[in-house]
Each structure stands twice: as structure tokens, then as C-alpha cells.
PDB file of N, CA and C in Angstrom:
ATOM      1  N   MET A   1     -20.613 -15.178  29.828  1.00  0.00           N
ATOM      2  CA  MET A   1     -20.372 -13.909  29.324  1.00  0.00           C
ATOM      3  C   MET A   1     -19.629 -14.141  28.119  1.00  0.00           C
ATOM      4  N   GLU A   2     -20.172 -13.564  26.932  1.00  0.00           N
ATOM      5  CA  GLU A   2     -19.492 -13.562  25.880  1.00  0.00           C
ATOM      6  C   GLU A   2     -19.047 -12.252  25.422  1.00  0.00           C
ATOM      7  N   SER A   3     -17.701 -12.281  24.238  1.00  0.00           N
ATOM      8  CA  SER A   3     -17.234 -11.154  23.777  1.00  0.00           C
ATOM      9  C   SER A   3     -17.330 -11.226  22.372  1.00  0.00           C
ATOM     10  N   ARG A   4     -17.774 -10.154  21.816  1.00  0.00           N
ATOM     11  CA  ARG A   4     -17.798 -10.388  20.163  1.00  0.00           C
ATOM     12  C   ARG A   4     -16.936  -9.409  19.309  1.00  0.00           C
ATOM     13  N   ALA A   5     -16.716  -9.519  18.408  1.00  0.00           N
ATOM     14  CA  ALA A   5     -16.071  -8.435  17.328  1.00  0.00           C
ATOM     15  C   ALA A   5     -16.269  -8.803  15.817  1.00  0.00           C
ATOM     16  N   VAL A   6     -16.878  -7.739  15.204  1.00  0.00           N
ATOM     17  CA  VAL A   6     -17.265  -7.956  13.857  1.00  0.00           C
ATOM     18  C   VAL A   6     -16.652  -7.172  12.790  1.00  0.00           C
ATOM     19  N   LEU A   7     -15.993  -7.892  12.009  1.00  0.00           N
ATOM     20  CA  LEU A   7     -15.484  -6.967  10.806  1.00  0.00           C
ATOM     21  C   LEU A   7     -16.092  -7.239   9.426  1.00  0.00           C
ATOM     22  N   ARG A   8     -16.762  -5.962   8.725  1.00  0.00           N
ATOM     23  CA  ARG A   8     -17.733  -6.315   7.745  1.00  0.00           C
ATOM     24  C   ARG A   8     -16.563  -5.463   6.432  1.00  0.00           C
ATOM     25  N   HIS A   9     -17.180  -5.997   5.412  1.00  0.00           N
ATOM     26  CA  HIS A   9     -16.801  -5.680   3.904  1.00  0.00           C
ATOM     27  C   HIS A   9     -15.210  -5.666   3.678  1.00  0.00           C
ATOM     28  N   THR A  10     -14.633  -6.721   4.271  1.00  0.00           N
ATOM     29  CA  THR A  10     -13.213  -6.745   3.769  1.00  0.00           C
ATOM     30  C   THR A  10     -13.111  -7.493   2.780  1.00  0.00           C
ATOM     31  N   ARG A  11     -11.875  -7.079   1.952  1.00  0.00           N
ATOM     32  CA  ARG A  11     -12.016  -7.641   0.591  1.00  0.00           C
ATOM     33  C   ARG A  11     -10.933  -8.978   0.372  1.00  0.00           C
ATOM     34  N   VAL A  12     -11.553  -9.827   1.108  1.00  0.00           N
ATOM     35  CA  VAL A  12     -11.108 -11.215   0.917  1.00  0.00           C
ATOM     36  C   VAL A  12     -12.255 -12.173   0.366  1.00  0.00           C
ATOM     37  N   SER A  13     -11.722 -13.294  -0.198  1.00  0.00           N
ATOM     38  CA  SER A  13     -12.799 -14.190  -0.499  1.00  0.00           C
ATOM     39  C   SER A  13     -13.403 -14.956   0.892  1.00  0.00           C
ATOM     40  N   PRO A  14     -14.711 -15.022   0.749  1.00  0.00           N
ATOM     41  CA  PRO A  14     -15.306 -15.670   1.814  1.00  0.00           C
ATOM     42  C   PRO A  14     -14.801 -17.287   2.185  1.00  0.00           C
ATOM     43  N   GLN A  15     -14.768 -17.708   0.966  1.00  0.00           N
ATOM     44  CA  GLN A  15     -14.709 -19.170   0.541  1.00  0.00           C
ATOM     45  C   GLN A  15     -13.075 -19.301   1.177  1.00  0.00           C
ATOM     46  N   LYS A  16     -12.176 -18.620   0.814  1.00  0.00           N
ATOM     47  CA  LYS A  16     -10.914 -19.076   1.329  1.00  0.00           C
ATOM     48  C   LYS A  16     -10.903 -18.678   2.805  1.00  0.00           C
ATOM     49  N   THR A  17     -11.318 -17.775   3.093  1.00  0.00           N
ATOM     50  CA  THR A  17     -11.269 -17.180   4.612  1.00  0.00           C
ATOM     51  C   THR A  17     -11.753 -18.249   5.445  1.00  0.00           C
ATOM     52  N   ARG A  18     -13.075 -18.926   5.150  1.00  0.00           N
ATOM     53  CA  ARG A  18     -13.285 -19.961   6.004  1.00  0.00           C
ATOM     54  C   ARG A  18     -12.418 -21.083   6.243  1.00  0.00           C
ATOM     55  N   LEU A  19     -11.444 -21.445   5.289  1.00  0.00           N
ATOM     56  CA  LEU A  19     -10.656 -22.447   5.306  1.00  0.00           C
ATOM     57  C   LEU A  19      -9.550 -22.223   6.737  1.00  0.00           C
ATOM     58  N   ILE A  20      -9.337 -20.774   6.676  1.00  0.00           N
ATOM     59  CA  ILE A  20      -8.443 -20.587   7.676  1.00  0.00           C
ATOM     60  C   ILE A  20      -9.120 -20.215   9.233  1.00  0.00           C
ATOM     61  N   ALA A  21     -10.442 -20.056   9.153  1.00  0.00           N
ATOM     62  CA  ALA A  21     -11.243 -19.693  10.015  1.00  0.00           C
ATOM     63  C   ALA A  21     -11.478 -21.175  10.945  1.00  0.00           C
ATOM     64  N   ASP A  22     -11.823 -22.378  10.175  1.00  0.00           N
ATOM     65  CA  ASP A  22     -12.006 -23.746  10.786  1.00  0.00           C
ATOM     66  C   ASP A  22     -10.732 -24.015  11.242  1.00  0.00           C
ATOM     67  N   GLN A  23      -9.556 -23.572  11.161  1.00  0.00           N
ATOM     68  CA  GLN A  23      -8.217 -23.996  11.779  1.00  0.00           C
ATOM     69  C   GLN A  23      -8.096 -23.520  13.116  1.00  0.00           C
ATOM     70  N   VAL A  24      -9.233 -22.336  13.638  1.00  0.00           N
ATOM     71  CA  VAL A  24      -9.066 -21.720  14.925  1.00  0.00           C
ATOM     72  C   VAL A  24     -10.333 -21.886  15.739  1.00  0.00           C
ATOM     73  N   ARG A  25     -11.192 -22.326  15.192  1.00  0.00           N
ATOM     74  CA  ARG A  25     -12.440 -22.700  15.721  1.00  0.00           C
ATOM     75  C   ARG A  25     -12.381 -23.548  17.332  1.00  0.00           C
ATOM     76  N   ASN A  26     -13.053 -23.195  18.158  1.00  0.00           N
ATOM     77  CA  ASN A  26     -12.827 -23.882  19.480  1.00  0.00           C
ATOM     78  C   ASN A  26     -11.315 -24.005  19.845  1.00  0.00           C
ATOM     79  N   LYS A  27     -10.633 -23.356  19.880  1.00  0.00           N
ATOM     80  CA  LYS A  27      -9.348 -23.162  20.412  1.00  0.00           C
ATOM     81  C   LYS A  27      -9.227 -21.951  21.160  1.00  0.00           C
ATOM     82  N   PRO A  28      -8.130 -22.290  22.402  1.00  0.00           N
ATOM     83  CA  PRO A  28      -8.014 -21.337  23.369  1.00  0.00           C
ATOM     84  C   PRO A  28      -7.280 -20.233  22.297  1.00  0.00           C
ATOM     85  N   ILE A  29      -7.521 -18.972  23.301  1.00  0.00           N
ATOM     86  CA  ILE A  29      -7.217 -17.500  22.150  1.00  0.00           C
ATOM     87  C   ILE A  29      -5.661 -17.952  21.874  1.00  0.00           C
ATOM     88  N   ALA A  30      -4.851 -18.027  22.826  1.00  0.00           N
ATOM     89  CA  ALA A  30      -3.405 -18.016  22.465  1.00  0.00           C
ATOM     90  C   ALA A  30      -3.056 -19.014  21.745  1.00  0.00           C
ATOM     91  N   ASP A  31      -3.416 -20.157  21.572  1.00  0.00           N
ATOM     92  CA  ASP A  31      -3.334 -21.171  20.632  1.00  0.00           C
ATOM     93  C   ASP A  31      -3.717 -20.617  19.218  1.00  0.00           C
ATOM     94  N   ALA A  32      -4.899 -20.106  18.827  1.00  0.00           N
ATOM     95  CA  ALA A  32      -5.707 -19.681  17.725  1.00  0.00           C
ATOM     96  C   ALA A  32      -4.659 -18.538  17.196  1.00  0.00           C
ATOM     97  N   LEU A  33      -4.230 -17.471  17.956  1.00  0.00           N
ATOM     98  CA  LEU A  33      -3.396 -16.300  17.425  1.00  0.00           C
ATOM     99  C   LEU A  33      -1.932 -16.996  17.231  1.00  0.00           C
ATOM    100  N   ARG A  34      -1.518 -18.018  17.710  1.00  0.00           N
ATOM    101  CA  ARG A  34      -0.021 -18.512  17.441  1.00  0.00           C
ATOM    102  C   ARG A  34      -0.373 -19.452  15.966  1.00  0.00           C
ATOM    103  N   THR A  35      -1.299 -20.139  15.888  1.00  0.00           N
ATOM    104  CA  THR A  35      -1.738 -20.657  14.449  1.00  0.00           C
ATOM    105  C   THR A  35      -1.536 -19.710  13.526  1.00  0.00           C
ATOM    106  N   LEU A  36      -2.403 -18.588  13.500  1.00  0.00           N
ATOM    107  CA  LEU A  36      -2.553 -17.531  12.708  1.00  0.00           C
ATOM    108  C   LEU A  36      -1.293 -16.893  12.373  1.00  0.00           C
ATOM    109  N   ASN A  37      -0.611 -16.610  13.389  1.00  0.00           N
ATOM    110  CA  ASN A  37       0.770 -15.970  13.164  1.00  0.00           C
ATOM    111  C   ASN A  37       1.387 -16.842  12.006  1.00  0.00           C
ATOM    112  N   LEU A  38       1.529 -17.906  12.226  1.00  0.00           N
ATOM    113  CA  LEU A  38       2.367 -19.091  11.649  1.00  0.00           C
ATOM    114  C   LEU A  38       1.927 -19.065  10.320  1.00  0.00           C
ATOM    115  N   MET A  39       0.882 -19.024   9.734  1.00  0.00           N
ATOM    116  CA  MET A  39      -0.004 -19.114   8.566  1.00  0.00           C
ATOM    117  C   MET A  39       0.844 -18.071   7.501  1.00  0.00           C
ATOM    118  N   GLY A  40       0.852 -16.581   8.050  1.00  0.00           N
ATOM    119  CA  GLY A  40       1.542 -15.812   7.261  1.00  0.00           C
ATOM    120  C   GLY A  40       0.665 -15.462   6.045  1.00  0.00           C
ATOM    121  N   THR A  41      -0.599 -15.531   6.073  1.00  0.00           N
ATOM    122  CA  THR A  41      -1.338 -15.347   4.811  1.00  0.00           C
ATOM    123  C   THR A  41      -1.970 -13.878   4.944  1.00  0.00           C
ATOM    124  N   LYS A  42      -2.615 -13.001   4.280  1.00  0.00           N
ATOM    125  CA  LYS A  42      -3.336 -11.958   4.585  1.00  0.00           C
ATOM    126  C   LYS A  42      -4.665 -12.177   5.210  1.00  0.00           C
ATOM    127  N   ARG A  43      -5.326 -13.313   4.787  1.00  0.00           N
ATOM    128  CA  ARG A  43      -6.534 -13.886   5.479  1.00  0.00           C
ATOM    129  C   ARG A  43      -6.391 -14.070   7.018  1.00  0.00           C
ATOM    130  N   ALA A  44      -5.157 -14.524   7.488  1.00  0.00           N
ATOM    131  CA  ALA A  44      -4.871 -14.609   8.756  1.00  0.00           C
ATOM    132  C   ALA A  44      -4.670 -13.511   9.595  1.00  0.00           C
ATOM    133  N   ARG A  45      -3.910 -12.826   8.913  1.00  0.00           N
ATOM    134  CA  ARG A  45      -3.619 -11.531   9.471  1.00  0.00           C
ATOM    135  C   ARG A  45      -4.956 -10.890   9.839  1.00  0.00           C
ATOM    136  N   ILE A  46      -5.790 -10.632   8.901  1.00  0.00           N
ATOM    137  CA  ILE A  46      -7.162 -10.306   9.176  1.00  0.00           C
ATOM    138  C   ILE A  46      -8.049 -10.915  10.428  1.00  0.00           C
ATOM    139  N   ILE A  47      -8.050 -12.027  10.390  1.00  0.00           N
ATOM    140  CA  ILE A  47      -8.970 -12.944  11.326  1.00  0.00           C
ATOM    141  C   ILE A  47      -7.905 -12.685  12.674  1.00  0.00           C
ATOM    142  N   ALA A  48      -6.793 -12.660  12.689  1.00  0.00           N
ATOM    143  CA  ALA A  48      -6.011 -12.366  13.822  1.00  0.00           C
ATOM    144  C   ALA A  48      -6.396 -10.760  14.204  1.00  0.00           C
ATOM    145  N   LYS A  49      -6.533 -10.152  13.503  1.00  0.00           N
ATOM    146  CA  LYS A  49      -7.006  -8.484  13.843  1.00  0.00           C
ATOM    147  C   LYS A  49      -8.425  -8.483  14.847  1.00  0.00           C
ATOM    148  N   VAL A  50      -9.558  -9.159  13.914  1.00  0.00           N
ATOM    149  CA  VAL A  50     -10.568  -9.569  14.638  1.00  0.00           C
ATOM    150  C   VAL A  50     -10.816 -10.310  15.969  1.00  0.00           C
ATOM    151  N   LEU A  51      -9.879 -11.250  16.265  1.00  0.00           N
ATOM    152  CA  LEU A  51      -9.871 -11.818  17.432  1.00  0.00           C
ATOM    153  C   LEU A  51      -9.017 -11.056  18.517  1.00  0.00           C
ATOM    154  N   ASN A  52      -7.889 -10.048  18.074  1.00  0.00           N
ATOM    155  CA  ASN A  52      -7.500  -9.302  19.051  1.00  0.00           C
ATOM    156  C   ASN A  52      -8.485  -7.877  19.526  1.00  0.00           C
ATOM    157  N   SER A  53      -9.189  -7.816  18.527  1.00  0.00           N
ATOM    158  CA  SER A  53     -10.425  -6.940  18.780  1.00  0.00           C
ATOM    159  C   SER A  53     -11.292  -7.497  19.753  1.00  0.00           C
ATOM    160  N   ALA A  54     -11.887  -8.569  19.629  1.00  0.00           N
ATOM    161  CA  ALA A  54     -12.472  -9.273  20.704  1.00  0.00           C
ATOM    162  C   ALA A  54     -12.167  -9.446  22.256  1.00  0.00           C
ATOM    163  N   VAL A  55     -10.741  -9.816  21.889  1.00  0.00           N
ATOM    164  CA  VAL A  55     -10.025  -9.873  23.372  1.00  0.00           C
ATOM    165  C   VAL A  55      -9.908  -8.420  23.797  1.00  0.00           C
ATOM    166  N   ALA A  56      -9.851  -7.417  23.360  1.00  0.00           N
ATOM    167  CA  ALA A  56      -9.922  -6.230  23.927  1.00  0.00           C
ATOM    168  C   ALA A  56     -11.228  -5.599  24.525  1.00  0.00           C
ATOM    169  N   ASN A  57     -12.159  -6.081  23.740  1.00  0.00           N
ATOM    170  CA  ASN A  57     -13.546  -6.107  24.115  1.00  0.00           C
ATOM    171  C   ASN A  57     -13.790  -6.802  25.416  1.00  0.00           C
ATOM    172  N   ALA A  58     -13.279  -7.771  25.541  1.00  0.00           N
ATOM    173  CA  ALA A  58     -13.517  -8.662  26.819  1.00  0.00           C
ATOM    174  C   ALA A  58     -12.424  -8.096  28.049  1.00  0.00           C
ATOM    175  N   MET A  59     -11.509  -7.234  27.533  1.00  0.00           N
ATOM    176  CA  MET A  59     -10.868  -6.510  28.773  1.00  0.00           C
ATOM    177  C   MET A  59     -11.475  -5.431  29.031  1.00  0.00           C
ATOM    178  N   ASN A  60     -12.075  -4.858  28.113  1.00  0.00           N
ATOM    179  CA  ASN A  60     -13.016  -3.465  28.452  1.00  0.00           C
ATOM    180  C   ASN A  60     -14.028  -3.773  29.388  1.00  0.00           C
ATOM    181  N   THR A  61     -14.753  -4.502  29.165  1.00  0.00           N
ATOM    182  CA  THR A  61     -15.968  -5.146  29.881  1.00  0.00           C
ATOM    183  C   THR A  61     -15.789  -5.233  31.548  1.00  0.00           C
ATOM    184  N   GLY A  62     -14.507  -6.108  31.589  1.00  0.00           N
ATOM    185  CA  GLY A  62     -13.900  -6.411  32.880  1.00  0.00           C
ATOM    186  C   GLY A  62     -14.601  -7.712  33.733  1.00  0.00           C
ATOM    187  N   LEU A  63     -15.152  -8.459  32.944  1.00  0.00           N
ATOM    188  CA  LEU A  63     -16.120  -9.345  33.429  1.00  0.00           C
ATOM    189  C   LEU A  63     -15.354 -10.645  32.983  1.00  0.00           C
ATOM    190  N   MET A  64     -14.454 -10.656  32.324  1.00  0.00           N
ATOM    191  CA  MET A  64     -13.968 -12.061  31.863  1.00  0.00           C
ATOM    192  C   MET A  64     -12.427 -12.021  32.095  1.00  0.00           C
ATOM    193  N   ASP A  65     -11.792 -13.323  32.303  1.00  0.00           N
ATOM    194  CA  ASP A  65     -10.378 -13.401  32.594  1.00  0.00           C
ATOM    195  C   ASP A  65     -10.081 -13.836  31.130  1.00  0.00           C
ATOM    196  N   VAL A  66      -9.025 -12.890  30.655  1.00  0.00           N
ATOM    197  CA  VAL A  66      -8.541 -12.841  29.299  1.00  0.00           C
ATOM    198  C   VAL A  66      -7.607 -14.201  29.200  1.00  0.00           C
ATOM    199  N   ASP A  67      -7.109 -14.740  30.143  1.00  0.00           N
ATOM    200  CA  ASP A  67      -6.171 -15.943  29.909  1.00  0.00           C
ATOM    201  C   ASP A  67      -7.216 -17.161  29.879  1.00  0.00           C
ATOM    202  N   ASN A  68      -8.242 -17.267  30.126  1.00  0.00           N
ATOM    203  CA  ASN A  68      -9.198 -18.311  30.229  1.00  0.00           C
ATOM    204  C   ASN A  68     -10.047 -18.332  28.759  1.00  0.00           C
ATOM    205  N   LEU A  69      -9.854 -17.307  27.904  1.00  0.00           N
ATOM    206  CA  LEU A  69     -10.833 -17.287  26.723  1.00  0.00           C
ATOM    207  C   LEU A  69     -10.482 -18.606  25.574  1.00  0.00           C
ATOM    208  N   TYR A  70     -11.606 -18.662  24.752  1.00  0.00           N
ATOM    209  CA  TYR A  70     -11.502 -19.615  23.645  1.00  0.00           C
ATOM    210  C   TYR A  70     -12.344 -19.389  22.556  1.00  0.00           C
ATOM    211  N   VAL A  71     -11.989 -19.646  21.343  1.00  0.00           N
ATOM    212  CA  VAL A  71     -12.886 -19.029  20.278  1.00  0.00           C
ATOM    213  C   VAL A  71     -14.151 -20.107  20.451  1.00  0.00           C
ATOM    214  N   LYS A  72     -15.133 -19.426  20.604  1.00  0.00           N
ATOM    215  CA  LYS A  72     -16.373 -19.939  20.962  1.00  0.00           C
ATOM    216  C   LYS A  72     -17.195 -20.276  19.119  1.00  0.00           C
ATOM    217  N   SER A  73     -17.189 -19.144  18.487  1.00  0.00           N
ATOM    218  CA  SER A  73     -17.554 -19.262  17.142  1.00  0.00           C
ATOM    219  C   SER A  73     -16.907 -18.312  16.526  1.00  0.00           C
ATOM    220  N   ILE A  74     -16.625 -18.722  15.263  1.00  0.00           N
ATOM    221  CA  ILE A  74     -16.108 -17.814  14.168  1.00  0.00           C
ATOM    222  C   ILE A  74     -16.692 -17.957  12.633  1.00  0.00           C
ATOM    223  N   GLN A  75     -17.662 -17.136  12.236  1.00  0.00           N
ATOM    224  CA  GLN A  75     -18.633 -17.152  11.136  1.00  0.00           C
ATOM    225  C   GLN A  75     -17.906 -16.011  10.113  1.00  0.00           C
ATOM    226  N   VAL A  76     -17.964 -16.665   8.721  1.00  0.00           N
ATOM    227  CA  VAL A  76     -17.525 -15.954   7.814  1.00  0.00           C
ATOM    228  C   VAL A  76     -18.543 -15.900   6.656  1.00  0.00           C
ATOM    229  N   ASP A  77     -19.106 -14.714   6.378  1.00  0.00           N
ATOM    230  CA  ASP A  77     -20.038 -14.744   5.498  1.00  0.00           C
ATOM    231  C   ASP A  77     -19.594 -13.969   4.475  1.00  0.00           C
ATOM    232  N   GLY A  78     -20.509 -14.109   3.274  1.00  0.00           N
ATOM    233  CA  GLY A  78     -20.152 -13.389   2.179  1.00  0.00           C
ATOM    234  C   GLY A  78     -20.887 -11.803   2.154  1.00  0.00           C
ATOM    235  N   GLY A  79     -20.115 -10.926   1.507  1.00  0.00           N
ATOM    236  CA  GLY A  79     -20.627  -9.612   1.909  1.00  0.00           C
ATOM    237  C   GLY A  79     -21.011  -9.368   0.142  1.00  0.00           C
ATOM    238  N   VAL A  80     -20.794  -7.885   0.102  1.00  0.00           N
ATOM    239  CA  VAL A  80     -20.846  -7.368  -1.086  1.00  0.00           C
ATOM    240  C   VAL A  80     -20.237  -7.677  -2.328  1.00  0.00           C
ATOM    241  N   VAL A  81     -20.711  -8.324  -3.558  1.00  0.00           N
ATOM    242  CA  VAL A  81     -19.820  -8.625  -4.546  1.00  0.00           C
ATOM    243  C   VAL A  81     -19.466  -7.581  -5.510  1.00  0.00           C
ATOM    244  N   LEU A  82     -18.047  -7.064  -5.750  1.00  0.00           N
ATOM    245  CA  LEU A  82     -17.653  -5.841  -6.826  1.00  0.00           C
ATOM    246  C   LEU A  82     -17.732  -6.467  -8.171  1.00  0.00           C
ATOM    247  N   LYS A  83     -18.658  -5.908  -8.888  1.00  0.00           N
ATOM    248  CA  LYS A  83     -18.397  -6.529 -10.214  1.00  0.00           C
ATOM    249  C   LYS A  83     -17.632  -5.469 -11.180  1.00  0.00           C
ATOM    250  N   ARG A  84     -16.740  -6.291 -11.888  1.00  0.00           N
ATOM    251  CA  ARG A  84     -15.585  -5.552 -12.697  1.00  0.00           C
ATOM    252  C   ARG A  84     -15.311  -6.088 -14.075  1.00  0.00           C
ATOM    253  N   TRP A  85     -15.150  -5.371 -14.867  1.00  0.00           N
ATOM    254  CA  TRP A  85     -15.098  -6.165 -16.298  1.00  0.00           C
ATOM    255  C   TRP A  85     -13.591  -6.132 -16.980  1.00  0.00           C
ATOM    256  N   ARG A  86     -13.158  -7.000 -17.423  1.00  0.00           N
ATOM    257  CA  ARG A  86     -11.876  -7.258 -17.984  1.00  0.00           C
ATOM    258  C   ARG A  86     -11.941  -7.198 -19.645  1.00  0.00           C
ATOM    259  N   PRO A  87     -11.289  -6.534 -20.341  1.00  0.00           N
ATOM    260  CA  PRO A  87     -11.549  -6.532 -21.917  1.00  0.00           C
ATOM    261  C   PRO A  87     -10.691  -7.679 -22.522  1.00  0.00           C
ATOM    262  N   ARG A  88     -11.312  -8.421 -23.160  1.00  0.00           N
ATOM    263  CA  ARG A  88     -10.772  -9.573 -23.606  1.00  0.00           C
ATOM    264  C   ARG A  88     -10.516  -9.597 -25.266  1.00  0.00           C
ATOM    265  N   ALA A  89     -10.141 -10.689 -25.875  1.00  0.00           N
ATOM    266  CA  ALA A  89      -9.948 -10.589 -27.387  1.00  0.00           C
ATOM    267  C   ALA A  89     -11.066 -10.430 -28.235  1.00  0.00           C
ATOM    268  N   GLN A  90     -10.871  -9.517 -29.205  1.00  0.00           N
ATOM    269  CA  GLN A  90     -12.198  -9.221 -30.270  1.00  0.00           C
ATOM    270  C   GLN A  90     -13.096  -8.674 -29.617  1.00  0.00           C
ATOM    271  N   GLY A  91     -12.858  -7.571 -28.868  1.00  0.00           N
ATOM    272  CA  GLY A  91     -13.794  -6.759 -28.380  1.00  0.00           C
ATOM    273  C   GLY A  91     -14.773  -7.482 -27.487  1.00  0.00           C
ATOM    274  N   ARG A  92     -14.489  -8.484 -26.917  1.00  0.00           N
ATOM    275  CA  ARG A  92     -15.260  -9.195 -25.591  1.00  0.00           C
ATOM    276  C   ARG A  92     -15.030  -8.372 -24.471  1.00  0.00           C
ATOM    277  N   ALA A  93     -15.905  -8.890 -23.482  1.00  0.00           N
ATOM    278  CA  ALA A  93     -15.141  -8.399 -22.153  1.00  0.00           C
ATOM    279  C   ALA A  93     -15.780  -9.438 -21.306  1.00  0.00           C
ATOM    280  N   THR A  94     -15.200 -10.037 -20.174  1.00  0.00           N
ATOM    281  CA  THR A  94     -15.526 -11.029 -19.272  1.00  0.00           C
ATOM    282  C   THR A  94     -15.702 -10.175 -17.695  1.00  0.00           C
ATOM    283  N   ARG A  95     -16.803 -10.831 -16.944  1.00  0.00           N
ATOM    284  CA  ARG A  95     -17.037 -10.235 -15.844  1.00  0.00           C
ATOM    285  C   ARG A  95     -15.883 -10.826 -14.773  1.00  0.00           C
ATOM    286  N   ILE A  96     -15.479  -9.907 -13.795  1.00  0.00           N
ATOM    287  CA  ILE A  96     -14.467 -10.416 -12.807  1.00  0.00           C
ATOM    288  C   ILE A  96     -15.344 -10.035 -11.439  1.00  0.00           C
ATOM    289  N   LEU A  97     -15.618 -11.146 -10.647  1.00  0.00           N
ATOM    290  CA  LEU A  97     -16.317 -10.775  -9.483  1.00  0.00           C
ATOM    291  C   LEU A  97     -15.194 -10.608  -8.134  1.00  0.00           C
ATOM    292  N   LYS A  98     -15.253  -9.461  -7.627  1.00  0.00           N
ATOM    293  CA  LYS A  98     -14.134  -9.176  -6.361  1.00  0.00           C
ATOM    294  C   LYS A  98     -15.194  -9.318  -5.348  1.00  0.00           C
ATOM    295  N   ARG A  99     -14.733 -10.422  -4.306  1.00  0.00           N
ATOM    296  CA  ARG A  99     -15.828 -10.628  -3.148  1.00  0.00           C
ATOM    297  C   ARG A  99     -15.471 -10.185  -1.928  1.00  0.00           C
ATOM    298  N   THR A 100     -16.322 -10.009  -1.212  1.00  0.00           N
ATOM    299  CA  THR A 100     -15.892  -9.282  -0.016  1.00  0.00           C
ATOM    300  C   THR A 100     -16.510 -10.232   1.390  1.00  0.00           C
ATOM    301  N   SER A 101     -15.946 -10.249   2.608  1.00  0.00           N
ATOM    302  CA  SER A 101     -16.369 -10.735   3.489  1.00  0.00           C
ATOM    303  C   SER A 101     -16.930 -10.299   5.015  1.00  0.00           C
ATOM    304  N   HIS A 102     -17.843 -10.934   5.812  1.00  0.00           N
ATOM    305  CA  HIS A 102     -18.058 -10.174   6.844  1.00  0.00           C
ATOM    306  C   HIS A 102     -17.640 -11.328   7.976  1.00  0.00           C
ATOM    307  N   ILE A 103     -16.736 -10.943   8.836  1.00  0.00           N
ATOM    308  CA  ILE A 103     -16.054 -11.948   9.626  1.00  0.00           C
ATOM    309  C   ILE A 103     -16.557 -11.695  11.095  1.00  0.00           C
ATOM    310  N   ALA A 104     -17.235 -12.516  11.802  1.00  0.00           N
ATOM    311  CA  ALA A 104     -17.812 -12.466  13.236  1.00  0.00           C
ATOM    312  C   ALA A 104     -17.174 -13.601  14.189  1.00  0.00           C
ATOM    313  N   VAL A 105     -16.627 -12.895  14.948  1.00  0.00           N
ATOM    314  CA  VAL A 105     -15.776 -13.710  16.272  1.00  0.00           C
ATOM    315  C   VAL A 105     -16.655 -13.727  17.494  1.00  0.00           C
ATOM    316  N   VAL A 106     -16.795 -14.664  18.271  1.00  0.00           N
ATOM    317  CA  VAL A 106     -17.751 -15.042  19.663  1.00  0.00           C
ATOM    318  C   VAL A 106     -16.422 -15.454  20.316  1.00  0.00           C
ATOM    319  N   LEU A 107     -15.956 -14.947  21.470  1.00  0.00           N
ATOM    320  CA  LEU A 107     -15.174 -15.751  22.616  1.00  0.00           C
ATOM    321  C   LEU A 107     -15.884 -15.625  23.957  1.00  0.00           C
ATOM    322  N   ASP A 108     -15.750 -16.659  24.579  1.00  0.00           N
ATOM    323  CA  ASP A 108     -15.999 -17.159  25.851  1.00  0.00           C
ATOM    324  C   ASP A 108     -15.076 -17.673  26.796  1.00  0.00           C
ATOM    325  N   GLU A 109     -15.591 -17.857  28.088  1.00  0.00           N
ATOM    326  CA  GLU A 109     -14.466 -18.486  29.049  1.00  0.00           C
ATOM    327  C   GLU A 109     -14.570 -19.837  29.019  1.00  0.00           C
ATOM    328  N   LEU A 110     -13.648 -20.569  29.545  1.00  0.00           N
ATOM    329  CA  LEU A 110     -13.468 -21.828  29.449  1.00  0.00           C
ATOM    330  C   LEU A 110     -14.303 -22.329  30.754  1.00  0.00           C
TER     331      LEU A 110
END
């Protein structure tokens, strides 16, 4: 039995978020949350929030033992890219890409 949680359109770069997601993949949930709390970055807090949501989903179904959960998969995909313009010298402008991410977590029992 699996438990899932998905966070969509969060304002963090997918490339940088994948680096943190790789640190917690295939770990027990307690170790994963401890690792994320020690990182202290915005991306780590967002991933911890999604992990806690997946744990809450597992508790609400009542079919899984929360103490035996591990991160079966964590996937960070790119979302919508917000395009902005920044004024530059001599009347020019450059494009700024504000990237978003979709984070999907699947937990399973050991």
C-alpha cells in the first residue's frame, strides 16, 4: 500500500530542488525529515512539508504503520515558467525566467 502527496506550482527551481530530493530518496521517513531539518533551506522546508502531508495521508487511511514508512520515490518536475523583463542599459531589456516546480512523493512500508 502506498501513500502519495503532490505539491504543484511551488516557486522554487526544479534543478536546485532535485539536489535536495536526491538526499532523501529511499530513506526511512524519520531519517529523511531529520536530514531536511538540518539543511535549513527553503527547498528543504518545502520538501519536508510534502513528506509530512504524505505521512498524514498514510495515517488517515489507517492501513499503514507510520513507523515503518520510507520514501519510495520523490519526483521533482518543472512547472510553469513565469517570464519577466528586467530593464538594462541603453533601453534594452533581458528576460528573467522564474521557474516553478511540481513535487510528488510516494511513501511505502518497509
